[in-house]
Every structure is written in C-alpha cells, then in structure tokens.
C-alpha cells in the first residue's frame, strides 16, 4: 500500500503514517466484506462516523468520535446517509395537484 497517497484524519488531526496505514488496511478489509458500509466500519472501530474524500491527490479517510460532522462538509452530509426526496403531496382540496374546480368554471361547462 502506497501511504504517500493515503492519509487519515481523526477528529481534525492527521494521524501518523503507521497509524494511518493500519486504519486504511482495516477500512479496506471492511469494505471488501461489506461494500459501502461506512457506518458499520465506524461503529466497529469506535467512531461516530467515517467517510472518504480526495484532497490534493490523496485519498483521505475521515473519522470522528464526536457527534459533530467534520467542518469541511457540514452542509453536504455523506451520500450514504442522504435520503431520497419525498414526493410532494397534493394540495388540500385538489385531485392529484390540479387546481380545485370553481363554481364559475362548472357553470361555464368546464371542470
């Protein structure tokens, strides 16, 4: 494993090369067994969360042990945790989102 292109940041602090190498190895093994299971990896290793990103040509494994999300992506949570948008409900008094029929339109023979 080429460590010059890998790093680990735990709670905002970059780990030493030896620690980073060990954590990346554990991360890689976990991902081979459970593809995409970042939450499981974090939980198994005593972290609240984990994610990967690229920084200046390096693969960075970010892990944190507090409930706060790392500052660099607070507004953009990990994609594994994103929820699909809920379909919008029809407005009250409408059929499938169409405007309600008004008495004036009914009188003119329109619905």
N, C-alpha and C. Protein backbone atom coordinates (compact mmCIF):
# COMPACT_ATOMS: atom_id res chain seq x y z
N UNK A 1 0.85 -1.18 0.00
CA UNK A 1 0.00 0.00 0.00
C UNK A 1 0.90 1.24 0.00
N UNK A 2 0.66 2.11 -0.91
CA UNK A 2 1.45 3.33 -1.02
C UNK A 2 0.86 4.40 -0.10
N UNK A 3 1.54 4.66 1.03
CA UNK A 3 0.97 5.57 2.03
C UNK A 3 1.13 7.03 1.67
N UNK A 4 2.02 7.37 0.75
CA UNK A 4 2.19 8.76 0.38
C UNK A 4 0.94 9.35 -0.25
N UNK A 5 0.05 8.49 -0.73
CA UNK A 5 -1.17 8.96 -1.37
C UNK A 5 -2.40 8.73 -0.49
N UNK A 6 -2.18 8.25 0.74
CA UNK A 6 -3.26 7.99 1.67
C UNK A 6 -3.02 8.74 2.97
N UNK A 7 -4.09 9.18 3.60
CA UNK A 7 -3.95 9.75 4.94
C UNK A 7 -5.25 9.53 5.70
N UNK A 8 -5.16 9.66 7.01
CA UNK A 8 -6.33 9.53 7.87
C UNK A 8 -6.38 10.77 8.75
N UNK A 9 -7.56 11.35 8.84
CA UNK A 9 -7.79 12.50 9.71
C UNK A 9 -8.83 12.07 10.73
N UNK A 10 -8.42 12.07 12.00
CA UNK A 10 -9.33 11.70 13.09
C UNK A 10 -9.63 12.94 13.91
N UNK A 11 -10.88 13.31 13.96
CA UNK A 11 -11.33 14.49 14.71
C UNK A 11 -10.51 15.72 14.34
N UNK A 12 -10.20 15.86 13.06
CA UNK A 12 -9.49 17.04 12.57
C UNK A 12 -7.98 16.98 12.66
N UNK A 13 -7.44 15.87 13.17
CA UNK A 13 -5.98 15.75 13.32
C UNK A 13 -5.49 14.59 12.45
N UNK A 14 -4.49 14.89 11.62
CA UNK A 14 -3.94 13.85 10.75
C UNK A 14 -3.13 12.85 11.58
N UNK A 15 -3.38 11.56 11.34
CA UNK A 15 -2.67 10.51 12.08
C UNK A 15 -1.28 10.29 11.50
N UNK A 16 -0.41 9.74 12.33
CA UNK A 16 0.94 9.37 11.89
C UNK A 16 0.83 8.29 10.82
N UNK A 17 1.83 8.18 9.98
CA UNK A 17 1.81 7.27 8.85
C UNK A 17 1.50 5.83 9.26
N UNK A 18 2.12 5.34 10.31
CA UNK A 18 1.92 3.96 10.74
C UNK A 18 0.47 3.72 11.18
N UNK A 19 -0.10 4.66 11.94
CA UNK A 19 -1.49 4.54 12.38
C UNK A 19 -2.43 4.64 11.18
N UNK A 20 -2.13 5.56 10.28
CA UNK A 20 -2.96 5.73 9.09
C UNK A 20 -2.96 4.47 8.24
N UNK A 21 -1.81 3.88 8.07
CA UNK A 21 -1.69 2.65 7.27
C UNK A 21 -2.54 1.54 7.88
N UNK A 22 -2.47 1.38 9.20
CA UNK A 22 -3.24 0.33 9.87
C UNK A 22 -4.75 0.57 9.73
N UNK A 23 -5.18 1.81 9.88
CA UNK A 23 -6.60 2.11 9.77
C UNK A 23 -7.10 1.95 8.34
N UNK A 24 -6.29 2.37 7.36
CA UNK A 24 -6.66 2.17 5.96
C UNK A 24 -6.77 0.69 5.63
N UNK A 25 -5.86 -0.11 6.17
CA UNK A 25 -5.90 -1.56 5.92
C UNK A 25 -7.21 -2.14 6.48
N UNK A 26 -7.55 -1.75 7.72
CA UNK A 26 -8.80 -2.22 8.33
C UNK A 26 -10.00 -1.74 7.52
N UNK A 27 -9.95 -0.50 7.07
CA UNK A 27 -11.05 0.07 6.26
C UNK A 27 -11.20 -0.71 4.96
N UNK A 28 -10.11 -0.98 4.28
CA UNK A 28 -10.15 -1.71 3.01
C UNK A 28 -10.71 -3.12 3.21
N UNK A 29 -10.29 -3.80 4.27
CA UNK A 29 -10.80 -5.15 4.55
C UNK A 29 -12.29 -5.11 4.84
N UNK A 30 -12.73 -4.11 5.60
CA UNK A 30 -14.15 -4.00 5.92
C UNK A 30 -14.96 -3.73 4.65
N UNK A 31 -14.47 -2.86 3.79
CA UNK A 31 -15.19 -2.53 2.56
C UNK A 31 -15.26 -3.71 1.60
N UNK A 32 -14.25 -4.57 1.61
CA UNK A 32 -14.30 -5.77 0.78
C UNK A 32 -15.39 -6.71 1.26
N UNK A 33 -15.57 -6.81 2.57
CA UNK A 33 -16.61 -7.67 3.14
C UNK A 33 -17.99 -7.04 3.03
N UNK A 34 -18.07 -5.74 3.24
CA UNK A 34 -19.36 -5.05 3.31
C UNK A 34 -19.29 -3.76 2.50
N UNK A 35 -19.39 -3.90 1.20
CA UNK A 35 -19.22 -2.77 0.29
C UNK A 35 -20.15 -1.60 0.65
N UNK A 36 -19.54 -0.43 0.83
CA UNK A 36 -20.29 0.80 1.10
C UNK A 36 -20.77 0.98 2.52
N UNK A 37 -20.38 0.10 3.44
CA UNK A 37 -20.86 0.16 4.82
C UNK A 37 -19.97 1.04 5.69
N UNK A 38 -20.01 2.34 5.44
CA UNK A 38 -19.20 3.28 6.22
C UNK A 38 -19.65 3.33 7.68
N UNK A 39 -20.96 3.27 7.90
CA UNK A 39 -21.48 3.32 9.26
C UNK A 39 -21.01 2.11 10.06
N UNK A 40 -21.03 0.93 9.43
CA UNK A 40 -20.57 -0.29 10.09
C UNK A 40 -19.10 -0.22 10.44
N UNK A 41 -18.30 0.30 9.52
CA UNK A 41 -16.86 0.45 9.79
C UNK A 41 -16.66 1.37 10.98
N UNK A 42 -17.33 2.51 10.97
CA UNK A 42 -17.18 3.48 12.06
C UNK A 42 -17.57 2.84 13.39
N UNK A 43 -18.72 2.20 13.41
CA UNK A 43 -19.21 1.58 14.64
C UNK A 43 -18.23 0.50 15.14
N UNK A 44 -17.75 -0.35 14.23
CA UNK A 44 -16.84 -1.44 14.61
C UNK A 44 -15.52 -0.94 15.17
N UNK A 45 -15.15 0.29 14.81
CA UNK A 45 -13.86 0.83 15.25
C UNK A 45 -14.00 1.96 16.28
N UNK A 46 -15.20 2.11 16.83
CA UNK A 46 -15.41 3.06 17.91
C UNK A 46 -15.57 4.51 17.49
N UNK A 47 -15.94 4.73 16.23
CA UNK A 47 -16.15 6.09 15.73
C UNK A 47 -17.64 6.36 15.56
N UNK A 48 -17.99 7.64 15.57
CA UNK A 48 -19.36 8.05 15.32
C UNK A 48 -19.63 8.05 13.82
N UNK A 49 -18.64 8.40 13.02
CA UNK A 49 -18.82 8.45 11.58
C UNK A 49 -17.50 8.30 10.84
N UNK A 50 -17.62 8.02 9.55
CA UNK A 50 -16.44 7.88 8.69
C UNK A 50 -16.85 8.20 7.26
N UNK A 51 -15.92 8.71 6.50
CA UNK A 51 -16.12 8.91 5.07
C UNK A 51 -14.76 9.10 4.41
N UNK A 52 -14.77 9.03 3.10
CA UNK A 52 -13.54 9.24 2.35
C UNK A 52 -13.72 10.45 1.45
N UNK A 53 -12.61 11.08 1.14
CA UNK A 53 -12.63 12.17 0.17
C UNK A 53 -11.24 12.33 -0.41
N UNK A 54 -11.14 13.11 -1.46
CA UNK A 54 -9.84 13.38 -2.09
C UNK A 54 -9.40 14.78 -1.71
N UNK A 55 -8.14 14.90 -1.35
CA UNK A 55 -7.54 16.20 -1.03
C UNK A 55 -6.16 16.25 -1.66
N UNK A 56 -5.99 17.16 -2.58
CA UNK A 56 -4.68 17.36 -3.22
C UNK A 56 -4.05 16.05 -3.71
N UNK A 57 -4.83 15.24 -4.39
CA UNK A 57 -4.31 13.99 -4.94
C UNK A 57 -4.18 12.85 -3.95
N UNK A 58 -4.61 13.04 -2.72
CA UNK A 58 -4.55 11.99 -1.70
C UNK A 58 -5.94 11.47 -1.40
N UNK A 59 -6.02 10.17 -1.12
CA UNK A 59 -7.25 9.60 -0.60
C UNK A 59 -7.20 9.80 0.91
N UNK A 60 -8.22 10.45 1.44
CA UNK A 60 -8.26 10.77 2.86
C UNK A 60 -9.43 10.04 3.51
N UNK A 61 -9.14 9.32 4.56
CA UNK A 61 -10.17 8.67 5.36
C UNK A 61 -10.43 9.58 6.55
N UNK A 62 -11.64 10.11 6.64
CA UNK A 62 -12.01 10.98 7.75
C UNK A 62 -12.83 10.16 8.73
N UNK A 63 -12.43 10.18 9.99
CA UNK A 63 -13.18 9.51 11.04
C UNK A 63 -13.35 10.50 12.18
N UNK A 64 -14.46 10.39 12.88
CA UNK A 64 -14.66 11.28 14.00
C UNK A 64 -15.34 10.53 15.13
N UNK A 65 -14.99 10.94 16.34
CA UNK A 65 -15.51 10.26 17.52
C UNK A 65 -16.50 11.11 18.29
N UNK A 66 -16.78 12.31 17.81
CA UNK A 66 -17.81 13.14 18.44
C UNK A 66 -19.00 13.18 17.51
N UNK A 67 -20.12 13.65 18.03
CA UNK A 67 -21.35 13.65 17.24
C UNK A 67 -21.36 14.70 16.13
N UNK A 68 -20.42 15.63 16.12
CA UNK A 68 -20.43 16.66 15.08
C UNK A 68 -19.78 16.14 13.80
N UNK A 69 -20.30 16.59 12.68
CA UNK A 69 -19.76 16.23 11.38
C UNK A 69 -18.55 17.12 11.12
N UNK A 70 -17.50 16.61 10.50
CA UNK A 70 -16.34 17.44 10.22
C UNK A 70 -16.72 18.74 9.52
N UNK A 71 -16.10 19.87 9.89
CA UNK A 71 -16.48 21.18 9.38
C UNK A 71 -16.43 21.32 7.86
N UNK A 72 -15.55 20.62 7.18
CA UNK A 72 -15.38 20.83 5.75
C UNK A 72 -16.62 20.45 4.94
N UNK A 73 -17.50 19.62 5.47
CA UNK A 73 -18.65 19.17 4.70
C UNK A 73 -19.94 19.23 5.51
N UNK A 74 -20.06 20.12 6.48
CA UNK A 74 -21.25 20.18 7.32
C UNK A 74 -22.53 20.32 6.52
N UNK A 75 -22.48 21.11 5.46
CA UNK A 75 -23.68 21.32 4.67
C UNK A 75 -23.90 20.22 3.64
N UNK A 76 -22.93 19.31 3.48
CA UNK A 76 -23.03 18.25 2.48
C UNK A 76 -22.75 16.92 3.15
N UNK A 77 -23.76 16.29 3.80
CA UNK A 77 -23.53 15.04 4.52
C UNK A 77 -23.11 13.93 3.58
N UNK A 78 -22.49 12.86 4.12
CA UNK A 78 -22.07 11.75 3.28
C UNK A 78 -23.22 11.19 2.48
N UNK A 79 -22.95 10.84 1.23
CA UNK A 79 -24.01 10.38 0.34
C UNK A 79 -24.67 9.12 0.85
N UNK A 80 -23.95 8.30 1.61
CA UNK A 80 -24.54 7.09 2.15
C UNK A 80 -25.68 7.40 3.10
N UNK A 81 -25.70 8.60 3.66
CA UNK A 81 -26.73 8.96 4.62
C UNK A 81 -27.82 9.84 4.03
N UNK A 82 -27.71 10.19 2.77
CA UNK A 82 -28.72 11.04 2.15
C UNK A 82 -30.01 10.27 1.95
N UNK A 83 -31.11 10.94 2.15
CA UNK A 83 -32.41 10.32 1.94
C UNK A 83 -32.99 10.79 0.62
N UNK A 84 -33.75 9.92 0.00
CA UNK A 84 -34.41 10.30 -1.25
C UNK A 84 -35.48 11.34 -0.92
N UNK A 85 -35.66 12.26 -1.84
CA UNK A 85 -36.66 13.31 -1.64
C UNK A 85 -38.04 12.69 -1.58
N UNK A 86 -38.85 13.18 -0.66
CA UNK A 86 -40.22 12.68 -0.54
C UNK A 86 -41.06 13.27 -1.66
N UNK A 87 -41.95 12.47 -2.24
CA UNK A 87 -42.83 13.05 -3.26
C UNK A 87 -43.76 14.05 -2.60
N UNK A 88 -44.05 15.10 -3.31
CA UNK A 88 -44.93 16.13 -2.77
C UNK A 88 -46.36 15.64 -2.76
N UNK A 89 -47.04 15.94 -1.68
CA UNK A 89 -48.46 15.58 -1.58
C UNK A 89 -49.28 16.61 -2.33
N UNK A 90 -50.43 16.18 -2.79
CA UNK A 90 -51.34 17.12 -3.48
C UNK A 90 -51.83 18.15 -2.47
N UNK A 91 -52.08 19.33 -2.97
CA UNK A 91 -52.60 20.38 -2.09
C UNK A 91 -53.99 19.98 -1.61
N UNK A 92 -54.35 20.39 -0.40
CA UNK A 92 -55.69 20.06 0.09
C UNK A 92 -56.75 20.60 -0.86
N UNK A 93 -57.79 19.80 -1.10
CA UNK A 93 -58.89 20.22 -1.96
C UNK A 93 -58.61 20.04 -3.43
N UNK A 94 -57.51 19.37 -3.78
CA UNK A 94 -57.21 19.17 -5.20
C UNK A 94 -57.14 17.69 -5.50
N UNK A 95 -57.30 17.36 -6.74
CA UNK A 95 -57.16 15.99 -7.19
C UNK A 95 -55.83 15.88 -7.91
N UNK A 96 -54.90 15.18 -7.33
CA UNK A 96 -53.58 14.96 -7.94
C UNK A 96 -52.88 16.27 -8.29
N UNK A 97 -53.02 17.28 -7.44
CA UNK A 97 -52.29 18.51 -7.63
C UNK A 97 -52.92 19.51 -8.56
N UNK A 98 -54.04 19.15 -9.22
CA UNK A 98 -54.71 20.10 -10.11
C UNK A 98 -55.50 21.10 -9.28
N UNK A 99 -55.65 22.32 -9.77
CA UNK A 99 -56.42 23.30 -9.00
C UNK A 99 -57.86 22.85 -8.83
N UNK A 100 -58.47 23.22 -7.72
CA UNK A 100 -59.86 22.81 -7.49
C UNK A 100 -60.79 23.44 -8.52
N UNK A 101 -61.85 22.71 -8.81
CA UNK A 101 -62.85 23.22 -9.74
C UNK A 101 -63.63 24.33 -9.04
N UNK A 102 -63.85 25.42 -9.71
CA UNK A 102 -64.58 26.54 -9.10
C UNK A 102 -66.00 26.58 -9.65
N UNK A 103 -66.94 27.14 -8.88
CA UNK A 103 -68.33 27.20 -9.36
C UNK A 103 -68.44 27.93 -10.70
N UNK A 104 -67.64 28.97 -10.93
CA UNK A 104 -67.74 29.73 -12.19
C UNK A 104 -67.35 28.85 -13.37
N UNK A 105 -66.35 28.01 -13.20
CA UNK A 105 -65.93 27.13 -14.30
C UNK A 105 -66.97 26.04 -14.53
N UNK A 106 -67.56 25.52 -13.46
CA UNK A 106 -68.59 24.49 -13.62
C UNK A 106 -69.80 25.06 -14.36
N UNK A 107 -70.16 26.30 -14.05
CA UNK A 107 -71.31 26.95 -14.71
C UNK A 107 -71.04 27.11 -16.20
N UNK A 108 -69.80 27.31 -16.57
CA UNK A 108 -69.46 27.50 -17.98
C UNK A 108 -69.31 26.17 -18.70
N UNK A 109 -69.54 25.06 -17.97
CA UNK A 109 -69.44 23.75 -18.59
C UNK A 109 -68.04 23.16 -18.57
N UNK A 110 -67.14 23.74 -17.82
CA UNK A 110 -65.76 23.24 -17.70
C UNK A 110 -65.56 22.65 -16.32
N UNK A 111 -64.62 21.75 -16.22
CA UNK A 111 -64.29 21.19 -14.91
C UNK A 111 -62.96 21.67 -14.44
